[in-house]
C-alpha atoms as a PDB file:
ATOM      1  CA  MET A   1      -3.204  18.487  10.940  1.00  0.00           C
ATOM      2  CA  PRO A   2      -0.574  16.335   9.138  1.00  0.00           C
ATOM      3  CA  LEU A   3       0.120  17.297   5.529  1.00  0.00           C
ATOM      4  CA  TYR A   4      -1.041  14.027   4.023  1.00  0.00           C
ATOM      5  CA  ILE A   5      -4.410  14.311   5.794  1.00  0.00           C
ATOM      6  CA  LYS A   6      -4.826  17.760   4.248  1.00  0.00           C
ATOM      7  CA  ILE A   7      -3.955  16.337   0.832  1.00  0.00           C
ATOM      8  CA  LEU A   8      -6.525  13.560   1.188  1.00  0.00           C
ATOM      9  CA  LEU A   9      -9.158  16.123   2.164  1.00  0.00           C
ATOM     10  CA  VAL A  10      -8.278  18.231  -0.878  1.00  0.00           C
ATOM     11  CA  LEU A  11      -8.560  15.166  -3.113  1.00  0.00           C
ATOM     12  CA  ALA A  12     -11.902  14.254  -1.584  1.00  0.00           C
ATOM     13  CA  LEU A  13     -13.249  17.778  -2.052  1.00  0.00           C
ATOM     14  CA  ARG A  14     -11.963  17.848  -5.606  1.00  0.00           C
ATOM     15  CA  TYR A  15     -13.755  14.677  -6.618  1.00  0.00           C
ATOM     16  CA  LEU A  16     -16.854  15.265  -4.556  1.00  0.00           C
ATOM     17  CA  PHE A  17     -17.463  18.815  -5.715  1.00  0.00           C
ATOM     18  CA  LEU A  18     -15.412  19.834  -8.761  1.00  0.00           C
ATOM     19  CA  LEU A  19     -16.309  16.595 -10.517  1.00  0.00           C
ATOM     20  CA  GLN A  20     -19.778  16.745  -8.936  1.00  0.00           C
ATOM     21  CA  LEU A  21     -19.599  13.205  -7.611  1.00  0.00           C
ATOM     22  CA  ARG A  22     -22.094  12.508  -4.871  1.00  0.00           C
ATOM     23  CA  SER A  23     -20.769  10.646  -1.850  1.00  0.00           C
ATOM     24  CA  SER A  24     -23.002   7.709  -2.740  1.00  0.00           C
ATOM     25  CA  SER A  25     -21.527   7.564  -6.251  1.00  0.00           C
ATOM     26  CA  LEU A  26     -18.014   7.688  -4.882  1.00  0.00           C
ATOM     27  CA  LEU A  27     -18.980   4.969  -2.457  1.00  0.00           C
ATOM     28  CA  ALA A  28     -20.227   2.791  -5.293  1.00  0.00           C
ATOM     29  CA  ARG A  29     -16.881   3.287  -7.019  1.00  0.00           C
ATOM     30  CA  SER A  30     -15.218   2.184  -3.806  1.00  0.00           C
ATOM     31  CA  LEU A  31     -17.233  -1.036  -3.870  1.00  0.00           C
ATOM     32  CA  VAL A  32     -16.328  -1.801  -7.440  1.00  0.00           C
ATOM     33  CA  LEU A  33     -12.646  -1.257  -6.749  1.00  0.00           C
ATOM     34  CA  HIS A  34     -12.635  -3.326  -3.568  1.00  0.00           C
ATOM     35  CA  PHE A  35     -14.189  -6.403  -5.046  1.00  0.00           C
ATOM     36  CA  PHE A  36     -13.283  -6.233  -8.706  1.00  0.00           C
ATOM     37  CA  LEU A  37      -9.541  -5.819  -8.353  1.00  0.00           C
ATOM     38  CA  GLY A  38      -9.541  -9.486  -9.253  1.00  0.00           C
ATOM     39  CA  CYS A  39     -11.590  -8.763 -12.385  1.00  0.00           C
ATOM     40  CA  ILE A  40      -9.478  -5.764 -13.390  1.00  0.00           C
ATOM     41  CA  PHE A  41      -6.225  -7.554 -12.619  1.00  0.00           C
ATOM     42  CA  SER A  42      -5.954 -10.842 -14.506  1.00  0.00           C
ATOM     43  CA  LEU A  43      -9.510 -12.150 -14.005  1.00  0.00           C
ATOM     44  CA  SER A  44     -10.823 -10.541 -17.197  1.00  0.00           C
ATOM     45  CA  VAL A  45      -9.438  -9.702 -20.606  1.00  0.00           C
ATOM     46  CA  THR A  46     -10.569  -6.785 -22.761  1.00  0.00           C
ATOM     47  CA  SER A  47     -11.670  -7.199 -26.362  1.00  0.00           C
ATOM     48  CA  ALA A  48     -13.474  -5.034 -28.896  1.00  0.00           C
ATOM     49  CA  MET A  49     -16.705  -6.284 -27.320  1.00  0.00           C
ATOM     50  CA  GLY A  50     -15.674  -5.225 -23.809  1.00  0.00           C
ATOM     51  CA  LYS A  51     -14.523  -7.269 -20.850  1.00  0.00           C
ATOM     52  CA  ILE A  52     -14.614 -11.037 -21.099  1.00  0.00           C
ATOM     53  CA  TYR A  53     -14.800 -12.998 -17.851  1.00  0.00           C
ATOM     54  CA  PRO A  54     -13.880 -16.628 -17.210  1.00  0.00           C
ATOM     55  CA  THR A  55     -16.598 -19.179 -17.821  1.00  0.00           C
ATOM     56  CA  VAL A  56     -17.649 -21.464 -14.972  1.00  0.00           C
ATOM     57  CA  SER A  57     -20.085 -24.360 -14.929  1.00  0.00           C
ATOM     58  CA  GLU A  58     -23.756 -24.176 -14.019  1.00  0.00           C
ATOM     59  CA  GLU A  59     -22.927 -26.287 -10.974  1.00  0.00           C
ATOM     60  CA  TYR A  60     -20.374 -23.671  -9.925  1.00  0.00           C
ATOM     61  CA  LEU A  61     -22.888 -20.840 -10.284  1.00  0.00           C
ATOM     62  CA  LYS A  62     -25.430 -22.728  -8.192  1.00  0.00           C
ATOM     63  CA  ALA A  63     -22.796 -23.216  -5.500  1.00  0.00           C
ATOM     64  CA  VAL A  64     -22.111 -19.464  -5.510  1.00  0.00           C
ATOM     65  CA  GLU A  65     -25.785 -18.694  -4.839  1.00  0.00           C
ATOM     66  CA  LYS A  66     -26.054 -21.281  -2.063  1.00  0.00           C
ATOM     67  CA  CYS A  67     -22.850 -19.959  -0.537  1.00  0.00           C
ATOM     68  CA  ARG A  68     -24.269 -16.420  -0.543  1.00  0.00           C
ATOM     69  CA  LYS A  69     -27.066 -17.558   1.776  1.00  0.00           C
ATOM     70  CA  LYS A  70     -24.628 -19.208   4.159  1.00  0.00           C
ATOM     71  CA  LEU A  71     -22.458 -16.098   4.248  1.00  0.00           C
ATOM     72  CA  ARG A  72     -25.446 -13.878   5.015  1.00  0.00           C
ATOM     73  CA  GLY A  73     -26.276 -16.094   7.964  1.00  0.00           C
ATOM     74  CA  LEU A  74     -22.707 -16.032   9.266  1.00  0.00           C
ATOM     75  CA  ILE A  75     -22.430 -12.247   9.056  1.00  0.00           C
ATOM     76  CA  ALA A  76     -25.768 -11.767  10.819  1.00  0.00           C
ATOM     77  CA  GLU A  77     -24.959 -14.280  13.547  1.00  0.00           C
ATOM     78  CA  LYS A  78     -21.393 -13.186  14.292  1.00  0.00           C
ATOM     79  CA  ASN A  79     -21.635  -9.434  13.504  1.00  0.00           C
ATOM     80  CA  CYS A  80     -18.422  -9.915  11.567  1.00  0.00           C
ATOM     81  CA  ALA A  81     -19.115  -7.659   8.567  1.00  0.00           C
ATOM     82  CA  PRO A  82     -16.003  -5.464   9.002  1.00  0.00           C
ATOM     83  CA  LEU A  83     -13.794  -8.528   9.232  1.00  0.00           C
ATOM     84  CA  MET A  84     -15.266  -9.990   6.043  1.00  0.00           C
ATOM     85  CA  LEU A  85     -14.726  -6.723   4.169  1.00  0.00           C
ATOM     86  CA  ARG A  86     -11.161  -6.583   5.435  1.00  0.00           C
ATOM     87  CA  ILE A  87     -10.217 -10.079   4.293  1.00  0.00           C
ATOM     88  CA  ALA A  88     -11.669  -9.382   0.840  1.00  0.00           C
ATOM     89  CA  TRP A  89      -9.660  -6.178   0.488  1.00  0.00           C
ATOM     90  CA  HIS A  90      -6.432  -7.541   1.945  1.00  0.00           C
ATOM     91  CA  SER A  91      -6.695 -10.506  -0.413  1.00  0.00           C
ATOM     92  CA  ALA A  92      -7.083  -8.241  -3.451  1.00  0.00           C
ATOM     93  CA  GLY A  93      -4.856  -5.323  -2.471  1.00  0.00           C
ATOM     94  CA  THR A  94      -1.545  -7.141  -2.939  1.00  0.00           C
ATOM     95  CA  TYR A  95      -1.718  -7.064  -6.739  1.00  0.00           C
ATOM     96  CA  ASP A  96       1.412  -5.844  -8.539  1.00  0.00           C
ATOM     97  CA  GLN A  97       0.847  -4.743 -12.135  1.00  0.00           C
ATOM     98  CA  ASN A  98       4.558  -4.957 -12.918  1.00  0.00           C
ATOM     99  CA  THR A  99       5.085  -8.590 -11.919  1.00  0.00           C
ATOM    100  CA  LYS A 100       1.465  -9.718 -12.384  1.00  0.00           C
ATOM    101  CA  THR A 101       1.605 -11.330  -8.940  1.00  0.00           C
ATOM    102  CA  GLY A 102      -0.531 -11.061  -5.817  1.00  0.00           C
ATOM    103  CA  GLY A 103      -4.232 -10.290  -5.873  1.00  0.00           C
ATOM    104  CA  PRO A 104      -7.358 -12.208  -4.818  1.00  0.00           C
ATOM    105  CA  PHE A 105      -6.341 -15.735  -5.705  1.00  0.00           C
ATOM    106  CA  GLY A 106      -6.871 -17.621  -2.474  1.00  0.00           C
ATOM    107  CA  THR A 107      -3.459 -17.203  -0.886  1.00  0.00           C
ATOM    108  CA  MET A 108      -4.820 -15.594   2.280  1.00  0.00           C
ATOM    109  CA  LYS A 109      -5.525 -19.055   3.667  1.00  0.00           C
ATOM    110  CA  HIS A 110      -1.789 -19.791   3.796  1.00  0.00           C
ATOM    111  CA  PRO A 111      -0.124 -19.273   7.209  1.00  0.00           C
ATOM    112  CA  GLY A 112       2.680 -17.335   5.541  1.00  0.00           C
ATOM    113  CA  GLU A 113       0.376 -14.584   4.279  1.00  0.00           C
ATOM    114  CA  LEU A 114      -1.694 -14.536   7.454  1.00  0.00           C
ATOM    115  CA  ALA A 115       1.551 -13.872   9.334  1.00  0.00           C
ATOM    116  CA  HIS A 116       2.129 -10.597   7.464  1.00  0.00           C
ATOM    117  CA  GLY A 117       1.923  -7.679   9.874  1.00  0.00           C
ATOM    118  CA  ALA A 118      -0.843  -5.956   7.903  1.00  0.00           C
ATOM    119  CA  ASN A 119      -3.012  -9.077   8.194  1.00  0.00           C
ATOM    120  CA  ALA A 120      -3.072  -9.261  11.984  1.00  0.00           C
ATOM    121  CA  GLY A 121      -6.466 -10.565  13.084  1.00  0.00           C
ATOM    122  CA  LEU A 122      -7.456 -12.047   9.728  1.00  0.00           C
ATOM    123  CA  ASP A 123      -6.839 -15.547  11.047  1.00  0.00           C
ATOM    124  CA  ILE A 124     -10.172 -15.024  12.828  1.00  0.00           C
ATOM    125  CA  ALA A 125     -11.877 -14.361   9.494  1.00  0.00           C
ATOM    126  CA  VAL A 126     -10.322 -17.473   7.968  1.00  0.00           C
ATOM    127  CA  ARG A 127     -11.505 -19.605  10.900  1.00  0.00           C
ATOM    128  CA  LEU A 128     -15.039 -18.205  10.711  1.00  0.00           C
ATOM    129  CA  LEU A 129     -15.244 -18.789   6.977  1.00  0.00           C
ATOM    130  CA  GLU A 130     -13.676 -22.233   6.754  1.00  0.00           C
ATOM    131  CA  PRO A 131     -16.759 -24.253   7.879  1.00  0.00           C
ATOM    132  CA  ILE A 132     -18.743 -22.643   5.049  1.00  0.00           C
ATOM    133  CA  LYS A 133     -15.964 -23.160   2.512  1.00  0.00           C
ATOM    134  CA  GLU A 134     -15.880 -26.869   3.393  1.00  0.00           C
ATOM    135  CA  GLN A 135     -19.504 -27.113   2.253  1.00  0.00           C
ATOM    136  CA  PHE A 136     -18.574 -25.773  -1.194  1.00  0.00           C
ATOM    137  CA  PRO A 137     -15.364 -27.510  -2.291  1.00  0.00           C
ATOM    138  CA  ILE A 138     -16.112 -26.594  -5.902  1.00  0.00           C
ATOM    139  CA  LEU A 139     -15.484 -22.897  -5.169  1.00  0.00           C
ATOM    140  CA  SER A 140     -11.971 -21.517  -5.293  1.00  0.00           C
ATOM    141  CA  TYR A 141     -10.753 -19.688  -2.204  1.00  0.00           C
ATOM    142  CA  GLY A 142     -10.141 -16.656  -4.403  1.00  0.00           C
ATOM    143  CA  ASP A 143     -13.803 -16.490  -5.364  1.00  0.00           C
ATOM    144  CA  PHE A 144     -14.952 -17.406  -1.866  1.00  0.00           C
ATOM    145  CA  TYR A 145     -13.154 -14.595  -0.039  1.00  0.00           C
ATOM    146  CA  GLN A 146     -14.270 -11.987  -2.576  1.00  0.00           C
ATOM    147  CA  LEU A 147     -17.843 -13.264  -2.420  1.00  0.00           C
ATOM    148  CA  ALA A 148     -17.726 -12.820   1.351  1.00  0.00           C
ATOM    149  CA  GLY A 149     -16.851  -9.159   0.813  1.00  0.00           C
ATOM    150  CA  VAL A 150     -19.591  -8.656  -1.765  1.00  0.00           C
ATOM    151  CA  VAL A 151     -22.222 -10.207   0.515  1.00  0.00           C
ATOM    152  CA  THR A 152     -20.974  -8.091   3.419  1.00  0.00           C
ATOM    153  CA  VAL A 153     -21.621  -4.857   1.540  1.00  0.00           C
ATOM    154  CA  GLU A 154     -25.097  -5.976   0.514  1.00  0.00           C
ATOM    155  CA  VAL A 155     -26.268  -7.084   3.973  1.00  0.00           C
ATOM    156  CA  THR A 156     -24.967  -3.953   5.701  1.00  0.00           C
ATOM    157  CA  GLY A 157     -26.912  -1.539   3.515  1.00  0.00           C
ATOM    158  CA  GLY A 158     -24.711  -1.107   0.462  1.00  0.00           C
ATOM    159  CA  PRO A 159     -25.696  -1.795  -3.147  1.00  0.00           C
ATOM    160  CA  GLU A 160     -25.747  -5.199  -4.790  1.00  0.00           C
ATOM    161  CA  ILE A 161     -22.494  -5.864  -6.614  1.00  0.00           C
ATOM    162  CA  PRO A 162     -22.338  -8.075  -9.718  1.00  0.00           C
ATOM    163  CA  PHE A 163     -20.067 -10.989  -8.868  1.00  0.00           C
ATOM    164  CA  HIS A 164     -17.928 -12.576 -11.581  1.00  0.00           C
ATOM    165  CA  PRO A 165     -16.468 -15.930 -10.471  1.00  0.00           C
ATOM    166  CA  GLY A 166     -13.529 -17.656 -12.074  1.00  0.00           C
ATOM    167  CA  ARG A 167     -10.480 -16.832  -9.941  1.00  0.00           C
ATOM    168  CA  GLU A 168      -8.051 -19.729  -9.821  1.00  0.00           C
ATOM    169  CA  ASP A 169      -6.199 -20.286  -6.566  1.00  0.00           C
ATOM    170  CA  LYS A 170      -2.445 -19.758  -6.541  1.00  0.00           C
ATOM    171  CA  ALA A 171       0.029 -21.705  -4.455  1.00  0.00           C
ATOM    172  CA  GLU A 172       2.460 -18.919  -3.574  1.00  0.00           C
ATOM    173  CA  PRO A 173       1.415 -15.939  -1.427  1.00  0.00           C
ATOM    174  CA  PRO A 174       2.733 -12.478  -2.327  1.00  0.00           C
ATOM    175  CA  VAL A 175       5.722 -10.997  -0.561  1.00  0.00           C
ATOM    176  CA  GLU A 176       5.014  -8.945   2.538  1.00  0.00           C
ATOM    177  CA  GLY A 177       4.757  -5.168   2.339  1.00  0.00           C
ATOM    178  CA  ARG A 178       2.424  -4.589  -0.604  1.00  0.00           C
ATOM    179  CA  LEU A 179      -0.538  -3.271   1.374  1.00  0.00           C
ATOM    180  CA  PRO A 180      -0.563   0.419   2.378  1.00  0.00           C
ATOM    181  CA  ASP A 181       1.108   1.322   5.663  1.00  0.00           C
ATOM    182  CA  ALA A 182      -1.091   3.425   7.969  1.00  0.00           C
ATOM    183  CA  THR A 183       1.899   5.324   9.356  1.00  0.00           C
ATOM    184  CA  LYS A 184       3.110   6.686   6.005  1.00  0.00           C
ATOM    185  CA  GLY A 185       1.994   9.604   3.861  1.00  0.00           C
ATOM    186  CA  THR A 186       0.804  10.389   0.355  1.00  0.00           C
ATOM    187  CA  ASP A 187       4.004   9.433  -1.464  1.00  0.00           C
ATOM    188  CA  HIS A 188       3.639   5.946  -0.022  1.00  0.00           C
ATOM    189  CA  LEU A 189      -0.047   5.777  -0.985  1.00  0.00           C
ATOM    190  CA  ARG A 190       0.806   6.680  -4.567  1.00  0.00           C
ATOM    191  CA  ASP A 191       3.616   4.131  -4.632  1.00  0.00           C
ATOM    192  CA  VAL A 192       1.140   1.424  -3.613  1.00  0.00           C
ATOM    193  CA  PHE A 193      -1.983   2.441  -5.508  1.00  0.00           C
ATOM    194  CA  VAL A 194      -0.583   4.143  -8.600  1.00  0.00           C
ATOM    195  CA  LYS A 195       2.789   2.509  -9.266  1.00  0.00           C
ATOM    196  CA  GLN A 196       2.028  -0.939  -7.874  1.00  0.00           C
ATOM    197  CA  MET A 197      -1.672  -1.393  -8.648  1.00  0.00           C
ATOM    198  CA  GLY A 198      -2.092   0.995 -11.578  1.00  0.00           C
ATOM    199  CA  LEU A 199      -4.846   3.066  -9.945  1.00  0.00           C
ATOM    200  CA  SER A 200      -5.267   6.841  -9.493  1.00  0.00           C
ATOM    201  CA  ASP A 201      -5.664   9.531  -6.833  1.00  0.00           C
ATOM    202  CA  GLN A 202      -9.412   9.321  -7.355  1.00  0.00           C
ATOM    203  CA  ASP A 203      -9.253   5.593  -6.696  1.00  0.00           C
ATOM    204  CA  ILE A 204      -7.330   6.197  -3.459  1.00  0.00           C
ATOM    205  CA  VAL A 205     -10.098   8.471  -2.217  1.00  0.00           C
ATOM    206  CA  ALA A 206     -12.809   6.063  -3.346  1.00  0.00           C
ATOM    207  CA  LEU A 207     -11.181   3.055  -1.724  1.00  0.00           C
ATOM    208  CA  SER A 208     -10.886   4.897   1.571  1.00  0.00           C
ATOM    209  CA  GLY A 209     -14.705   4.840   1.678  1.00  0.00           C
ATOM    210  CA  GLY A 210     -14.507   1.219   2.760  1.00  0.00           C
ATOM    211  CA  HIS A 211     -13.697   2.538   6.219  1.00  0.00           C
ATOM    212  CA  THR A 212     -17.381   3.249   6.677  1.00  0.00           C
ATOM    213  CA  LEU A 213     -17.457  -0.314   8.055  1.00  0.00           C
ATOM    214  CA  GLY A 214     -15.496  -1.274  11.143  1.00  0.00           C
ATOM    215  CA  ARG A 215     -12.925   0.337  13.388  1.00  0.00           C
ATOM    216  CA  CYS A 216      -9.205   0.277  14.086  1.00  0.00           C
ATOM    217  CA  HIS A 217      -7.723  -2.014  16.712  1.00  0.00           C
ATOM    218  CA  LYS A 218      -4.429  -1.047  18.312  1.00  0.00           C
ATOM    219  CA  GLU A 219      -3.095  -4.594  18.272  1.00  0.00           C
ATOM    220  CA  ARG A 220      -3.649  -4.801  14.511  1.00  0.00           C
ATOM    221  CA  SER A 221      -2.862  -1.395  13.034  1.00  0.00           C
ATOM    222  CA  GLY A 222      -1.414   0.559  15.937  1.00  0.00           C
ATOM    223  CA  PHE A 223      -4.471   2.827  16.007  1.00  0.00           C
ATOM    224  CA  GLU A 224      -7.669   2.604  18.031  1.00  0.00           C
ATOM    225  CA  GLY A 225     -11.138   3.904  17.260  1.00  0.00           C
ATOM    226  CA  ALA A 226     -14.109   3.876  14.899  1.00  0.00           C
ATOM    227  CA  TRP A 227     -14.227   5.812  11.636  1.00  0.00           C
ATOM    228  CA  THR A 228     -17.961   6.534  11.748  1.00  0.00           C
ATOM    229  CA  SER A 229     -20.745   6.797  14.297  1.00  0.00           C
ATOM    230  CA  ASN A 230     -22.246   3.498  13.121  1.00  0.00           C
ATOM    231  CA  PRO A 231     -19.421   1.151  12.072  1.00  0.00           C
ATOM    232  CA  LEU A 232     -21.763  -1.730  11.162  1.00  0.00           C
ATOM    233  CA  ILE A 233     -23.652   0.157   8.415  1.00  0.00           C
ATOM    234  CA  PHE A 234     -22.269   0.548   4.894  1.00  0.00           C
ATOM    235  CA  ASP A 235     -23.186   4.050   3.728  1.00  0.00           C
ATOM    236  CA  ASN A 236     -21.444   7.316   2.867  1.00  0.00           C
ATOM    237  CA  SER A 237     -20.800   8.313   6.492  1.00  0.00           C
ATOM    238  CA  TYR A 238     -17.030   8.010   6.145  1.00  0.00           C
ATOM    239  CA  PHE A 239     -16.904  10.760   3.531  1.00  0.00           C
ATOM    240  CA  LYS A 240     -19.437  12.954   5.314  1.00  0.00           C
ATOM    241  CA  GLU A 241     -17.633  12.748   8.639  1.00  0.00           C
ATOM    242  CA  LEU A 242     -14.209  13.187   7.063  1.00  0.00           C
ATOM    243  CA  LEU A 243     -15.306  16.392   5.351  1.00  0.00           C
ATOM    244  CA  SER A 244     -17.289  17.751   8.297  1.00  0.00           C
ATOM    245  CA  GLY A 245     -14.263  17.832  10.584  1.00  0.00           C
ATOM    246  CA  GLU A 246     -13.337  16.290  13.903  1.00  0.00           C
ATOM    247  CA  LYS A 247     -15.944  14.535  16.011  1.00  0.00           C
ATOM    248  CA  GLU A 248     -15.366  13.342  19.521  1.00  0.00           C
ATOM    249  CA  GLY A 249     -14.630   9.631  19.668  1.00  0.00           C
ATOM    250  CA  LEU A 250     -14.060   9.163  15.929  1.00  0.00           C
ATOM    251  CA  LEU A 251     -10.712   8.318  14.390  1.00  0.00           C
ATOM    252  CA  GLN A 252      -9.429  10.979  11.997  1.00  0.00           C
ATOM    253  CA  LEU A 253      -6.374   9.323  10.458  1.00  0.00           C
ATOM    254  CA  PRO A 254      -7.364   8.348   6.885  1.00  0.00           C
ATOM    255  CA  HIS A 255      -5.134   5.324   6.335  1.00  0.00           C
ATOM    256  CA  LEU A 256      -6.386   2.493   4.156  1.00  0.00           C
ATOM    257  CA  LEU A 257      -7.549  -0.990   5.124  1.00  0.00           C
END
């Protein structure tokens, strides 16, 4: 077993058992991190009263709720939940705390960002989502893509996630290479998640729980296979199966989305 897989298992055991975190609790943390990177990074400011989020109009909030219904229908019709989760994460996971650039601000729709190697296949997600986005021109793309991820988690069995709109779209996509590389080890993961994003080892483990949805495709990541026995259900199976050991037909390499 490669060293970095052993390290990830040790981290998972540490936070699941020594800190007495249930898999479901760790999974909930994963959800918050996936879809509130935009809130943590530049979407909100912190005051003595806690976090303060951008204010949007009542018309905007109504559009968000109507858009939720459309997204639920799309995900049910196309069975595209993993793809929706992936575009939400890949949109958010480019944030750089040092330069205050990247993050979930609508740049994924630009051909330049879609052409990044890590985003192979996300042009399909953009095409599926665009007819719905056209119905809600008031919504920013940044909010829209993150809302798609939030709705995905809810309709596939995960918890409801409070959604805070207010992301303003940016014109320039981030430079390529900010998302984690599946072929590299723990030093690389810490460079991306700790140094670049300002997160922790615990966050790395939590975020890996997003793999409970979907599978790897060789033409996109270089790997092939599902992470769990039921890749269309959002539950704590990823952590359970990772800790229980190898299972025939399931992918064991714990790289990140």
